[in-house]
Amino acid sequence: MVRPAKMLKELMGSLCTEPITVRYPYQKLKMPPKYRGRISCKAELCVGCRLCVRDCPSGAIQIVQLPGEKYQFAYRSLLGGKKVNVQIEKPGKKKFKAVIDLGKCLFCAQCVETCPRKALSETEDYELAALTKDCLFRTYGGDGKTEK
């Protein structure tokens, strides 16, 4: 049998303390410094080594080389006199686009540790719910814009 005095003591103690939980949608939790949230990419630092792709256990990362600027010139062939168009890629830094599928990502951060140029980083973002699978793809680079 429960003693009323013991219950009253517990009740009075819990009324005077703050709750342990937070009101989630209205109050955001502050994540610890090494929290492994959404993976972010700085495409301008990427050199296209694809070590992150190799080390990702779930295959959630794709690195795609973007087409660079090209020189265009034409000449006439000596054999047939036909006009030949030639395109040669301009020398310089190559650009890459990273596509991360958050639906496949395990948030283990092996890709972050592997990247030699530190192009990948962990964020404290933990609100990743989406209504469709297409919303879980994040594309970094390409048009110079980074998706949220």
Protein backbone atom coordinates (compact mmCIF):
# COMPACT_ATOMS: atom_id res chain seq x y z
CA MET A 1 0.00 0.00 0.00
CA VAL A 2 1.27 3.44 -0.98
CA ARG A 3 1.67 5.93 1.80
CA PRO A 4 -0.05 9.30 1.14
CA ALA A 5 2.68 11.25 2.95
CA LYS A 6 5.39 9.78 0.68
CA MET A 7 3.33 10.61 -2.41
CA LEU A 8 2.74 14.17 -1.19
CA LYS A 9 6.48 14.66 -0.59
CA GLU A 10 7.27 13.46 -4.14
CA LEU A 11 4.55 15.68 -5.60
CA MET A 12 5.78 18.79 -3.79
CA GLY A 13 9.36 18.08 -4.88
CA SER A 14 8.44 17.75 -8.54
CA LEU A 15 6.34 20.94 -8.51
CA CYS A 16 9.35 23.02 -7.42
CA THR A 17 11.84 21.76 -10.05
CA GLU A 18 12.11 22.55 -13.73
CA PRO A 19 11.04 19.87 -16.20
CA ILE A 20 13.76 17.79 -17.79
CA THR A 21 12.14 17.78 -21.23
CA VAL A 22 11.89 20.75 -23.60
CA ARG A 23 8.94 21.98 -25.62
CA TYR A 24 10.48 20.80 -28.88
CA PRO A 25 8.89 22.70 -31.73
CA TYR A 26 9.06 25.94 -29.75
CA GLN A 27 12.45 25.41 -28.12
CA LYS A 28 15.38 23.97 -30.06
CA LEU A 29 17.93 21.76 -28.37
CA LYS A 30 21.56 22.92 -28.46
CA MET A 31 23.61 20.07 -29.85
CA PRO A 32 27.02 19.18 -28.41
CA PRO A 33 30.11 20.26 -30.40
CA LYS A 34 30.85 16.85 -31.99
CA TYR A 35 27.22 16.04 -32.89
CA ARG A 36 27.01 14.14 -36.18
CA GLY A 37 24.17 15.80 -38.04
CA ARG A 38 23.61 16.49 -41.73
CA ILE A 39 26.72 16.38 -43.91
CA SER A 40 27.56 19.61 -45.72
CA CYS A 41 29.97 20.12 -48.63
CA LYS A 42 32.03 23.07 -49.85
CA ALA A 43 32.20 22.21 -53.54
CA GLU A 44 34.88 24.81 -54.27
CA LEU A 45 37.33 22.86 -52.08
CA CYS A 46 36.60 19.49 -53.70
CA VAL A 47 39.39 18.10 -55.93
CA GLY A 48 37.41 15.06 -57.09
CA CYS A 49 39.53 12.37 -55.42
CA ARG A 50 36.34 10.44 -54.51
CA LEU A 51 37.78 9.08 -51.25
CA CYS A 52 34.50 10.01 -49.56
CA VAL A 53 32.58 7.91 -52.10
CA ARG A 54 34.87 4.95 -51.49
CA ASP A 55 34.62 5.15 -47.67
CA CYS A 56 30.86 5.77 -47.42
CA PRO A 57 29.39 2.47 -46.14
CA SER A 58 25.92 3.19 -47.55
CA GLY A 59 26.90 4.71 -50.90
CA ALA A 60 25.13 7.98 -50.16
CA ILE A 61 27.64 10.30 -51.89
CA GLN A 62 28.18 10.92 -55.59
CA ILE A 63 30.90 13.21 -56.97
CA VAL A 64 30.33 14.41 -60.54
CA GLN A 65 32.84 16.39 -62.58
CA LEU A 66 31.28 19.43 -64.20
CA PRO A 67 32.13 20.30 -67.78
CA GLY A 68 34.74 23.04 -67.95
CA GLU A 69 35.25 25.83 -70.45
CA LYS A 70 36.48 24.75 -73.85
CA TYR A 71 38.44 26.28 -76.67
CA GLN A 72 36.71 25.91 -80.01
CA PHE A 73 38.45 26.13 -83.33
CA ALA A 74 38.03 24.80 -86.82
CA TYR A 75 40.40 23.85 -89.58
CA ARG A 76 40.23 22.39 -93.07
CA SER A 77 41.50 18.89 -93.60
CA LEU A 78 44.34 18.52 -96.10
CA LEU A 79 43.02 15.22 -97.37
CA GLY A 80 39.44 16.03 -98.21
CA GLY A 81 39.20 19.77 -97.66
CA LYS A 82 36.42 19.20 -95.13
CA LYS A 83 35.95 21.61 -92.27
CA VAL A 84 36.66 19.98 -88.88
CA ASN A 85 35.50 21.48 -85.58
CA VAL A 86 37.64 20.72 -82.53
CA GLN A 87 36.99 21.43 -78.87
CA ILE A 88 39.80 21.31 -76.31
CA GLU A 89 39.23 21.82 -72.61
CA LYS A 90 40.89 24.89 -71.14
CA PRO A 91 43.56 24.12 -68.56
CA GLY A 92 42.82 25.11 -64.99
CA LYS A 93 41.04 23.91 -61.90
CA LYS A 94 38.33 21.34 -62.52
CA LYS A 95 34.98 21.80 -60.81
CA PHE A 96 32.93 19.11 -59.12
CA LYS A 97 29.39 18.68 -57.86
CA ALA A 98 28.56 16.59 -54.79
CA VAL A 99 25.17 14.90 -54.40
CA ILE A 100 24.40 13.51 -50.93
CA ASP A 101 21.37 11.26 -50.39
CA LEU A 102 20.30 11.84 -46.79
CA GLY A 103 17.88 8.91 -47.06
CA LYS A 104 20.85 6.54 -47.37
CA CYS A 105 23.30 8.41 -45.12
CA LEU A 106 24.13 6.74 -41.80
CA PHE A 107 25.62 9.96 -40.36
CA CYS A 108 28.78 8.07 -39.40
CA ALA A 109 31.01 10.92 -40.69
CA GLN A 110 33.60 8.58 -42.23
CA CYS A 111 33.52 10.76 -45.34
CA VAL A 112 34.32 13.84 -43.25
CA GLU A 113 37.35 12.15 -41.69
CA THR A 114 38.57 10.86 -45.07
CA CYS A 115 38.38 14.10 -47.10
CA PRO A 116 41.95 15.41 -47.54
CA ARG A 117 40.82 18.97 -48.40
CA LYS A 118 38.16 19.18 -45.63
CA ALA A 119 35.44 19.89 -48.20
CA LEU A 120 32.93 17.84 -46.18
CA SER A 121 31.81 18.85 -42.69
CA GLU A 122 29.26 17.86 -40.08
CA THR A 123 26.49 20.24 -39.12
CA GLU A 124 24.29 20.40 -36.04
CA ASP A 125 21.15 20.13 -38.17
CA TYR A 126 18.92 17.32 -36.93
CA GLU A 127 15.58 18.31 -38.47
CA LEU A 128 15.69 16.19 -41.62
CA ALA A 129 12.10 15.03 -41.98
CA ALA A 130 10.71 15.19 -45.53
CA LEU A 131 7.47 14.29 -47.26
CA THR A 132 9.10 12.88 -50.41
CA LYS A 133 12.38 11.11 -51.16
CA ASP A 134 13.37 13.86 -53.60
CA CYS A 135 13.66 16.29 -50.69
CA LEU A 136 16.38 14.12 -49.12
CA PHE A 137 18.88 14.77 -51.94
CA ARG A 138 21.28 17.66 -51.34
CA THR A 139 23.32 19.01 -54.26
CA TYR A 140 26.40 21.12 -53.61
CA GLY A 141 28.19 22.94 -56.44
CA GLY A 142 27.32 23.09 -60.08
CA ASP A 143 25.49 26.40 -60.31
CA GLY A 144 27.38 27.92 -57.38
CA LYS A 145 24.43 27.56 -55.03
CA THR A 146 24.25 25.24 -52.06
CA GLU A 147 20.90 23.75 -51.20
CA LYS A 148 19.74 24.04 -47.62
